[in-house]
Amino acid sequence: MKRGWIIAPMLAVLSATPAFAQTGSITLGSAVQLTGKDANTGRYYRDGYQFTIDKINEQGGVTVGGKKYLFKLDLLDNQSDTNLDVQLYTKLITQDKVDFLLGSYSTAVVLIDTSVAEKFEMPMVQGGGAAGSIFSRGYKWVFGTLPRGEDYFSSTITMMGQLDPKPKTVALITADDAFDVAVAQGTRELLKKSGLETVLDQQYAANAADFSSVLTLVKSKNPDAVLWGGLLAEVLNTIRQAKSLNVSAKDLTSFTVGPPTADFRKALGPDAEGAFGMTPWVPTGALKDDWFGDDNAFNQAYIAKFGYEPDYHAASAAADVEVYAKALAKAGSLDKKAVRDAIATSDFQSLFAHVKFAPNGQIDVPQIAIQIQDGKVVPIFGEKMINKPRYPVPGWDKR
């Protein structure tokens, strides 16, 4: 196993004007998955953080207590290895002397990162971990911008009650990692309240590659709907093997992770068609912010800059940087407690969502049920039906 760390280049857009001599700097530190199995998702955080920092700096940075500051990013690579995170975040705080912290990706990793932040009483704003377990420990220095993992299937289950025919039976399949355990716990309660019958509730080992036995169980139960929780690699393997084994739900299958991302559609091609998922962020131009203008402008500028589509991971990363810009101006100080208190009372519109933290440090962001149609992400259901789903989704042998 690799030990140590890889330091990514620290980038900052610096003013070329003579006024820069009087301008200070504020360093935001993070360790994300730049290499290893989760690097495809880690890049959303790398690029989302840096892109937003650059944008804020281009517009003069932030004014704190009457002085101008530009942001810098100190970004380390955790190599998709959770064993490195305590070392890396401790290094950011004690050696690199960063001013404030940004988070990493995945609940399992963020559970570790946030403990380091809390120990050192260092503010952390993160949009990579969603499970309620992150926010149920009474921490005061940790804030999150993703929806609760326990609620991920909420909009999907509500939508199912409005479909024709209405699904009556459900198979719930989830990995045993921290995020998907939270998803399963919340979804069980949602299914009970909805009156749907759970005919299969099955857990599998995180990072598994062979899903044939689970898919055989699904086939034997023949559910109307399958709700599948797992990370991207697991979801891709599931779909490929389901096609090979000709296993599908009667009406629909929805996945916690995958459908909102360009990687999902690129990897599966036409086999992605009809897949349901969810996302808290669909850029339409409706969400305004102080730096990019709106969510659609951010989306287009991001594509032009990086050559790939952002998803909610990148948008939440951008919002995390915006939280610091707002909080620092409000605090009028770089004092960590003053900034922490300003973050806790955030109440503003970002390009990702309205940012207002609950006492436990998490914001309330509704999920939107989506479906892949003609290779595109189509929003289907939020508080009401948005677009017509292609439903029921044909089985593999009928496509």
Protein backbone atom coordinates (compact mmCIF):
# COMPACT_ATOMS: atom_id res chain seq x y z
CA MET A 1 0.00 0.00 0.00
CA LYS A 2 1.30 3.44 -0.85
CA ARG A 3 2.19 5.77 1.97
CA GLY A 4 2.89 9.46 2.04
CA TRP A 5 1.13 11.95 -0.17
CA ILE A 6 1.19 13.56 -3.55
CA ILE A 7 0.89 17.33 -3.61
CA ALA A 8 -1.01 18.74 -6.57
CA PRO A 9 0.12 22.11 -7.95
CA MET A 10 -1.19 25.02 -5.90
CA LEU A 11 -2.87 27.39 -8.25
CA ALA A 12 -4.10 30.90 -7.62
CA VAL A 13 -5.10 33.72 -9.90
CA LEU A 14 -3.13 36.72 -8.67
CA SER A 15 -3.86 40.31 -9.55
CA ALA A 16 -1.34 41.84 -11.94
CA THR A 17 -2.00 45.35 -10.64
CA PRO A 18 0.24 47.20 -8.17
CA ALA A 19 -2.61 46.90 -5.63
CA PHE A 20 -1.64 43.24 -5.17
CA ALA A 21 1.12 44.32 -2.80
CA GLN A 22 -1.58 45.36 -0.35
CA THR A 23 -3.67 42.25 -0.97
CA GLY A 24 -3.52 39.32 1.42
CA SER A 25 -4.18 35.66 0.73
CA ILE A 26 -6.48 33.07 2.28
CA THR A 27 -5.58 29.43 1.73
CA LEU A 28 -8.27 26.78 1.54
CA GLY A 29 -6.96 23.25 2.04
CA SER A 30 -8.37 19.92 0.89
CA ALA A 31 -7.38 16.33 0.13
CA VAL A 32 -9.33 14.68 -2.68
CA GLN A 33 -9.13 11.65 -4.94
CA LEU A 34 -6.85 12.85 -7.76
CA THR A 35 -5.64 9.32 -8.47
CA GLY A 36 -6.95 5.83 -7.76
CA LYS A 37 -10.37 4.27 -8.18
CA ASP A 38 -12.36 7.41 -7.30
CA ALA A 39 -10.33 9.88 -9.39
CA ASN A 40 -13.14 10.43 -11.91
CA THR A 41 -15.31 11.84 -9.14
CA GLY A 42 -12.41 13.52 -7.35
CA ARG A 43 -11.79 15.71 -10.39
CA TYR A 44 -15.19 17.38 -9.88
CA TYR A 45 -13.97 18.68 -6.52
CA ARG A 46 -10.52 19.64 -7.79
CA ASP A 47 -11.96 21.54 -10.74
CA GLY A 48 -14.99 22.93 -8.91
CA TYR A 49 -12.85 24.34 -6.10
CA GLN A 50 -10.21 25.86 -8.38
CA PHE A 51 -12.68 27.21 -10.94
CA THR A 52 -14.64 29.06 -8.27
CA ILE A 53 -11.52 30.36 -6.55
CA ASP A 54 -10.29 31.70 -9.90
CA LYS A 55 -13.64 33.34 -10.60
CA ILE A 56 -13.80 35.05 -7.21
CA ASN A 57 -10.19 36.22 -7.54
CA GLU A 58 -10.81 37.58 -11.04
CA GLN A 59 -13.50 39.78 -9.56
CA GLY A 60 -11.23 41.17 -6.87
CA GLY A 61 -11.36 38.45 -4.23
CA VAL A 62 -13.04 39.06 -0.88
CA THR A 63 -12.97 42.05 1.46
CA VAL A 64 -12.44 41.10 5.09
CA GLY A 65 -12.38 43.83 7.67
CA GLY A 66 -11.60 46.45 5.04
CA LYS A 67 -8.71 44.51 3.46
CA LYS A 68 -8.70 42.68 0.13
CA TYR A 69 -7.81 38.98 0.04
CA LEU A 70 -7.37 36.48 -2.78
CA PHE A 71 -7.99 32.78 -2.32
CA LYS A 72 -5.36 30.09 -2.80
CA LEU A 73 -5.95 26.32 -2.95
CA ASP A 74 -3.68 23.80 -1.24
CA LEU A 75 -4.82 20.50 -2.72
CA LEU A 76 -3.43 17.10 -1.73
CA ASP A 77 -4.09 13.71 -3.33
CA ASN A 78 -5.48 11.04 -0.99
CA GLN A 79 -4.98 8.45 -3.76
CA SER A 80 -8.50 7.08 -3.09
CA ASP A 81 -7.05 5.60 0.12
CA THR A 82 -8.99 6.42 3.28
CA ASN A 83 -5.96 5.43 5.36
CA LEU A 84 -4.17 8.59 4.22
CA ASP A 85 -6.79 11.14 5.16
CA VAL A 86 -5.92 11.72 8.80
CA GLN A 87 -2.30 12.30 7.79
CA LEU A 88 -3.20 14.63 4.95
CA TYR A 89 -5.66 16.83 6.81
CA THR A 90 -3.34 16.97 9.81
CA LYS A 91 -0.57 18.08 7.45
CA LEU A 92 -2.78 20.77 5.93
CA ILE A 93 -3.50 22.18 9.39
CA THR A 94 -0.21 21.73 11.25
CA GLN A 95 2.43 21.97 8.50
CA ASP A 96 0.89 23.79 5.54
CA LYS A 97 -0.92 26.14 7.92
CA VAL A 98 -3.97 26.52 5.68
CA ASP A 99 -6.59 28.97 6.86
CA PHE A 100 -9.72 26.88 6.34
CA LEU A 101 -10.72 23.44 5.07
CA LEU A 102 -12.72 22.07 2.16
CA GLY A 103 -13.83 18.44 2.08
CA SER A 104 -13.19 15.31 0.08
CA TYR A 105 -15.53 12.84 -1.65
CA SER A 106 -17.65 10.03 -0.18
CA THR A 107 -19.21 9.58 3.22
CA ALA A 108 -16.58 7.06 4.38
CA VAL A 109 -13.78 9.53 3.70
CA VAL A 110 -15.62 12.60 5.00
CA LEU A 111 -16.38 10.86 8.29
CA ILE A 112 -12.60 10.74 8.81
CA ASP A 113 -11.81 14.22 7.47
CA THR A 114 -14.41 15.92 9.61
CA SER A 115 -13.07 14.33 12.78
CA VAL A 116 -9.70 15.95 12.09
CA ALA A 117 -11.36 19.32 11.47
CA GLU A 118 -13.33 19.05 14.71
CA LYS A 119 -10.26 18.01 16.72
CA PHE A 120 -8.32 21.09 15.60
CA GLU A 121 -11.39 23.38 15.73
CA MET A 122 -10.90 24.27 12.08
CA PRO A 123 -13.94 25.18 9.96
CA MET A 124 -14.66 22.69 7.18
CA VAL A 125 -17.28 23.10 4.45
CA GLN A 126 -17.74 19.96 2.40
CA GLY A 127 -20.01 18.74 -0.37
CA GLY A 128 -18.78 15.16 -0.64
CA GLY A 129 -20.36 13.32 2.28
CA ALA A 130 -24.12 13.03 2.70
CA ALA A 131 -24.93 10.46 5.39
CA GLY A 132 -26.63 11.65 8.55
CA SER A 133 -23.88 9.97 10.60
CA ILE A 134 -21.54 12.83 9.63
CA PHE A 135 -23.88 15.34 11.24
CA SER A 136 -25.19 13.39 14.22
CA ARG A 137 -22.01 13.64 16.33
CA GLY A 138 -22.62 17.12 17.71
CA TYR A 139 -19.73 18.64 15.76
CA LYS A 140 -19.57 22.45 15.66
CA TRP A 141 -16.93 23.02 12.99
CA VAL A 142 -18.30 20.92 10.12
CA PHE A 143 -20.83 21.97 7.46
CA GLY A 144 -22.24 20.05 4.50
CA THR A 145 -23.94 21.01 1.25
CA LEU A 146 -25.35 17.69 0.03
CA PRO A 147 -28.82 16.27 0.74
CA ARG A 148 -29.14 13.69 3.51
CA GLY A 149 -28.21 10.24 2.26
CA GLU A 150 -31.26 8.86 4.05
CA ASP A 151 -33.50 10.94 1.77
CA TYR A 152 -31.89 10.15 -1.59
CA PHE A 153 -34.81 8.03 -2.85
CA SER A 154 -37.51 10.33 -1.44
CA SER A 155 -38.42 12.06 -4.71
CA THR A 156 -38.22 8.77 -6.61
CA ILE A 157 -40.64 7.02 -4.26
CA THR A 158 -43.05 9.98 -4.35
CA MET A 159 -42.85 9.97 -8.15
CA MET A 160 -43.61 6.25 -8.25
CA GLY A 161 -46.94 6.94 -6.57
CA GLN A 162 -47.94 9.11 -9.54
CA LEU A 163 -46.93 6.75 -12.34
CA ASP A 164 -49.30 4.61 -14.38
CA PRO A 165 -49.15 1.76 -13.63
CA LYS A 166 -48.04 2.42 -10.08
CA PRO A 167 -45.28 0.09 -8.89
CA LYS A 168 -46.43 -2.04 -5.97
CA THR A 169 -43.36 -4.14 -5.16
CA VAL A 170 -39.77 -3.01 -4.68
CA ALA A 171 -36.33 -4.57 -4.35
CA LEU A 172 -33.87 -2.49 -2.33
CA ILE A 173 -30.23 -3.32 -3.05
CA THR A 174 -27.42 -1.39 -1.35
CA ALA A 175 -23.70 -1.62 -0.65
CA ASP A 176 -22.39 -1.93 2.89
CA ASP A 177 -20.34 1.30 2.90
CA ALA A 178 -21.31 4.14 5.25
CA PHE A 179 -23.20 6.15 2.63
CA ASP A 180 -25.30 3.27 1.30
CA VAL A 181 -26.06 1.98 4.79
CA ALA A 182 -27.56 5.41 5.47
CA VAL A 183 -29.44 5.29 2.17
CA ALA A 184 -30.90 1.88 3.03
CA GLN A 185 -31.97 2.98 6.52
CA GLY A 186 -33.79 6.02 5.21
CA THR A 187 -35.30 4.24 2.23
CA ARG A 188 -36.80 1.49 4.38
CA GLU A 189 -38.74 4.13 6.29
CA LEU A 190 -39.80 5.90 3.10
CA LEU A 191 -41.06 2.63 1.62
CA LYS A 192 -43.07 1.83 4.75
CA LYS A 193 -44.74 5.22 4.68
CA SER A 194 -45.54 4.89 0.98
CA GLY A 195 -47.27 1.54 1.35
CA LEU A 196 -44.98 -0.16 -1.16
CA GLU A 197 -44.12 -3.79 -0.50
CA THR A 198 -40.43 -4.57 -0.16
CA VAL A 199 -39.97 -8.05 -1.63
CA LEU A 200 -36.16 -8.00 -1.35
CA ASP A 201 -33.82 -6.01 0.92
CA GLN A 202 -30.29 -7.10 0.07
CA GLN A 203 -26.85 -5.77 0.96
CA TYR A 204 -23.64 -6.45 -0.96
CA ALA A 205 -19.96 -5.80 -0.21
CA ALA A 206 -18.71 -2.36 -1.21
CA ASN A 207 -16.32 -2.41 -4.20
CA ALA A 208 -17.74 -5.74 -5.35
CA ALA A 209 -17.34 -6.54 -9.05
CA ASP A 210 -19.56 -9.62 -9.41
CA PHE A 211 -23.28 -9.04 -8.93
CA SER A 212 -24.59 -12.26 -10.48
CA SER A 213 -25.87 -13.72 -7.20
CA VAL A 214 -27.69 -10.50 -6.23
CA LEU A 215 -29.16 -10.17 -9.71
CA THR A 216 -30.35 -13.79 -9.55
CA LEU A 217 -32.22 -12.91 -6.34
CA VAL A 218 -33.77 -9.88 -8.02
CA LYS A 219 -34.90 -12.01 -10.94
CA SER A 220 -36.51 -14.55 -8.60
CA LYS A 221 -38.53 -11.81 -6.86
CA ASN A 222 -39.56 -10.09 -10.12
CA PRO A 223 -40.19 -6.66 -8.50
CA ASP A 224 -41.96 -3.78 -10.18
CA ALA A 225 -39.12 -1.44 -9.21
CA VAL A 226 -35.50 -1.81 -8.16
CA LEU A 227 -33.82 0.86 -6.01
CA TRP A 228 -30.05 0.36 -6.19
CA GLY A 229 -27.49 2.07 -3.98
CA GLY A 230 -23.81 1.98 -4.84
CA LEU A 231 -20.89 3.99 -6.14
CA LEU A 232 -20.26 4.54 -9.85
CA ALA A 233 -18.07 1.50 -10.59
CA GLU A 234 -20.54 -0.77 -8.80
CA VAL A 235 -23.51 0.68 -10.68
CA LEU A 236 -21.78 0.31 -14.06
CA ASN A 237 -20.91 -3.33 -13.34
CA THR A 238 -24.47 -3.96 -12.16
CA ILE A 239 -26.03 -2.66 -15.37
CA ARG A 240 -23.62 -4.53 -17.64
CA GLN A 241 -24.23 -7.79 -15.79
CA ALA A 242 -27.99 -7.23 -15.61
CA LYS A 243 -28.06 -6.90 -19.39
CA SER A 244 -25.96 -10.04 -19.80
CA LEU A 245 -28.25 -12.00 -17.48
CA ASN A 246 -31.43 -10.33 -18.80
CA VAL A 247 -32.45 -9.13 -15.34
CA SER A 248 -34.61 -6.04 -15.01
CA ALA A 249 -37.45 -4.65 -12.96
CA LYS A 250 -40.92 -4.78 -14.48
CA ASP A 251 -41.25 -0.99 -14.50
CA LEU A 252 -38.10 0.92 -13.50
CA THR A 253 -34.68 0.83 -11.88
CA SER A 254 -33.24 3.85 -10.07
CA PHE A 255 -29.63 4.34 -8.92
CA THR A 256 -28.27 6.63 -6.20
CA VAL A 257 -25.11 7.42 -8.16
CA GLY A 258 -24.33 7.48 -11.87
CA PRO A 259 -27.17 8.80 -14.04
CA PRO A 260 -26.41 12.52 -13.46
CA THR A 261 -22.81 12.13 -14.64
CA ALA A 262 -21.41 12.26 -18.16
CA ASP A 263 -19.12 9.35 -17.20
CA PHE A 264 -22.17 7.11 -16.70
CA ARG A 265 -23.65 7.89 -20.09
CA LYS A 266 -20.31 7.64 -21.86
CA ALA A 267 -19.44 4.29 -20.28
CA LEU A 268 -22.80 2.65 -21.03
CA GLY A 269 -23.82 4.31 -24.28
CA PRO A 270 -27.32 3.17 -25.30
CA ASP A 271 -27.51 0.86 -22.27
CA ALA A 272 -27.89 3.96 -20.08
CA GLU A 273 -31.24 4.72 -21.72
CA GLY A 274 -34.20 4.64 -19.36
CA ALA A 275 -32.13 4.52 -16.18
CA PHE A 276 -33.59 6.59 -13.35
CA GLY A 277 -31.51 8.41 -10.77
CA MET A 278 -31.54 11.57 -8.72
CA THR A 279 -29.65 14.81 -8.41
CA PRO A 280 -30.02 17.94 -6.28
CA TRP A 281 -28.77 20.09 -9.19
CA VAL A 282 -30.00 20.56 -12.76
CA PRO A 283 -28.67 23.79 -14.35
CA THR A 284 -31.57 25.78 -15.80
CA GLY A 285 -30.55 29.39 -15.15
CA ALA A 286 -32.93 29.63 -12.19
CA LEU A 287 -30.25 29.64 -9.48
CA LYS A 288 -28.47 32.99 -9.31
CA ASP A 289 -25.17 33.76 -7.62
CA ASP A 290 -22.80 36.70 -7.16
CA TRP A 291 -19.90 35.46 -9.27
CA PHE A 292 -20.99 33.32 -12.21
CA GLY A 293 -24.40 34.93 -12.69
CA ASP A 294 -26.44 31.74 -12.57
CA ASP A 295 -26.15 27.95 -12.58
CA ASN A 296 -26.40 27.65 -16.36
CA ALA A 297 -23.61 30.19 -16.89
CA PHE A 298 -21.47 28.16 -14.48
CA ASN A 299 -22.32 24.98 -16.36
CA GLN A 300 -21.36 26.40 -19.76
CA ALA A 301 -18.18 28.07 -18.50
CA TYR A 302 -17.13 24.87 -16.74
CA ILE A 303 -17.57 22.82 -19.93
CA ALA A 304 -15.57 25.39 -21.90
CA LYS A 305 -12.79 25.31 -19.31
CA PHE A 306 -12.48 21.60 -18.60
CA GLY A 307 -14.05 19.87 -21.61
CA TYR A 308 -16.55 17.83 -19.64
CA GLU A 309 -19.93 18.44 -17.99
CA PRO A 310 -20.10 19.28 -14.29
CA ASP A 311 -22.59 17.45 -12.14
CA TYR A 312 -23.85 18.12 -8.63
CA HIS A 313 -20.45 17.21 -7.12
CA ALA A 314 -18.79 20.09 -8.99
CA ALA A 315 -21.67 22.47 -8.25
CA SER A 316 -21.60 21.66 -4.54
CA ALA A 317 -17.81 22.14 -4.54
CA ALA A 318 -18.33 25.59 -6.07
CA ALA A 319 -20.93 26.41 -3.42
CA ASP A 320 -18.50 25.37 -0.67
CA VAL A 321 -16.01 28.01 -1.82
CA GLU A 322 -18.82 30.57 -2.09
CA VAL A 323 -19.75 29.81 1.53
CA TYR A 324 -16.29 30.93 2.62
CA ALA A 325 -16.43 34.08 0.47
CA LYS A 326 -19.73 35.08 2.05
CA ALA A 327 -18.78 34.07 5.59
CA LEU A 328 -15.42 35.84 5.58
CA ALA A 329 -16.98 39.09 4.39
CA LYS A 330 -19.68 38.74 7.06
CA ALA A 331 -17.23 37.87 9.85
CA GLY A 332 -14.92 40.77 8.97
CA SER A 333 -12.10 38.70 10.42
CA LEU A 334 -9.93 35.64 9.73
CA ASP A 335 -10.52 34.43 13.28
CA LYS A 336 -11.61 30.83 12.95
CA LYS A 337 -14.41 30.99 15.48
CA ALA A 338 -15.78 34.19 13.96
CA VAL A 339 -15.75 32.58 10.52
CA ARG A 340 -17.30 29.39 11.90
CA ASP A 341 -20.12 31.44 13.43
CA ALA A 342 -20.64 33.31 10.16
CA ILE A 343 -20.84 30.02 8.24
CA ALA A 344 -23.40 28.70 10.72
CA THR A 345 -25.67 31.68 10.01
CA SER A 346 -25.26 31.53 6.20
CA ASP A 347 -28.39 32.41 4.29
CA PHE A 348 -27.75 33.09 0.60
CA GLN A 349 -28.42 31.84 -2.92
CA SER A 350 -25.56 29.94 -4.52
CA LEU A 351 -25.35 28.46 -8.03
CA PHE A 352 -25.99 25.06 -6.40
CA ALA A 353 -28.79 25.68 -3.91
CA HIS A 354 -30.01 28.03 -1.22
CA VAL A 355 -27.42 27.74 1.52
CA LYS A 356 -28.84 27.81 5.03
CA PHE A 357 -27.41 25.36 7.54
CA ALA A 358 -29.49 23.50 10.10
CA PRO A 359 -28.15 23.35 13.68
CA ASN A 360 -26.42 20.06 12.83
CA GLY A 361 -24.48 21.72 9.98
CA GLN A 362 -26.29 20.31 6.94
CA ILE A 363 -28.40 22.18 4.42
CA ASP A 364 -31.79 21.01 3.17
CA VAL A 365 -31.60 20.36 -0.58
CA PRO A 366 -34.40 18.44 -2.33
CA GLN A 367 -33.51 15.70 -4.77
CA ILE A 368 -34.88 15.72 -8.33
CA ALA A 369 -35.73 12.37 -9.89
CA ILE A 370 -34.14 12.14 -13.33
CA GLN A 371 -34.10 9.73 -16.27
CA ILE A 372 -31.68 9.22 -19.14
CA GLN A 373 -33.52 9.92 -22.39
CA ASP A 374 -31.71 10.02 -25.74
CA GLY A 375 -28.40 10.26 -23.95
CA LYS A 376 -29.40 13.28 -21.87
CA VAL A 377 -30.32 13.87 -18.24
CA VAL A 378 -34.02 14.77 -18.12
CA PRO A 379 -35.55 16.04 -14.85
CA ILE A 380 -38.73 14.06 -14.18
CA PHE A 381 -39.99 14.85 -10.70
CA GLY A 382 -39.27 17.36 -7.94
CA GLU A 383 -42.21 18.61 -5.95
CA LYS A 384 -44.33 17.73 -8.97
CA MET A 385 -44.00 16.06 -12.35
CA ILE A 386 -41.60 18.10 -14.51
CA ASN A 387 -41.28 16.03 -17.69
CA LYS A 388 -42.87 12.84 -18.95
CA PRO A 389 -40.91 9.70 -18.05
CA ARG A 390 -40.40 6.93 -20.57
CA TYR A 391 -42.21 4.34 -18.57
CA PRO A 392 -42.45 1.43 -18.03
CA VAL A 393 -38.82 0.87 -19.03
CA PRO A 394 -38.61 -2.17 -21.36
CA GLY A 395 -36.65 -5.23 -20.20
CA TRP A 396 -33.28 -5.93 -21.77
CA ASP A 397 -34.74 -8.54 -24.12
CA LYS A 398 -37.23 -6.00 -25.50
CA ARG A 399 -34.87 -3.14 -26.26
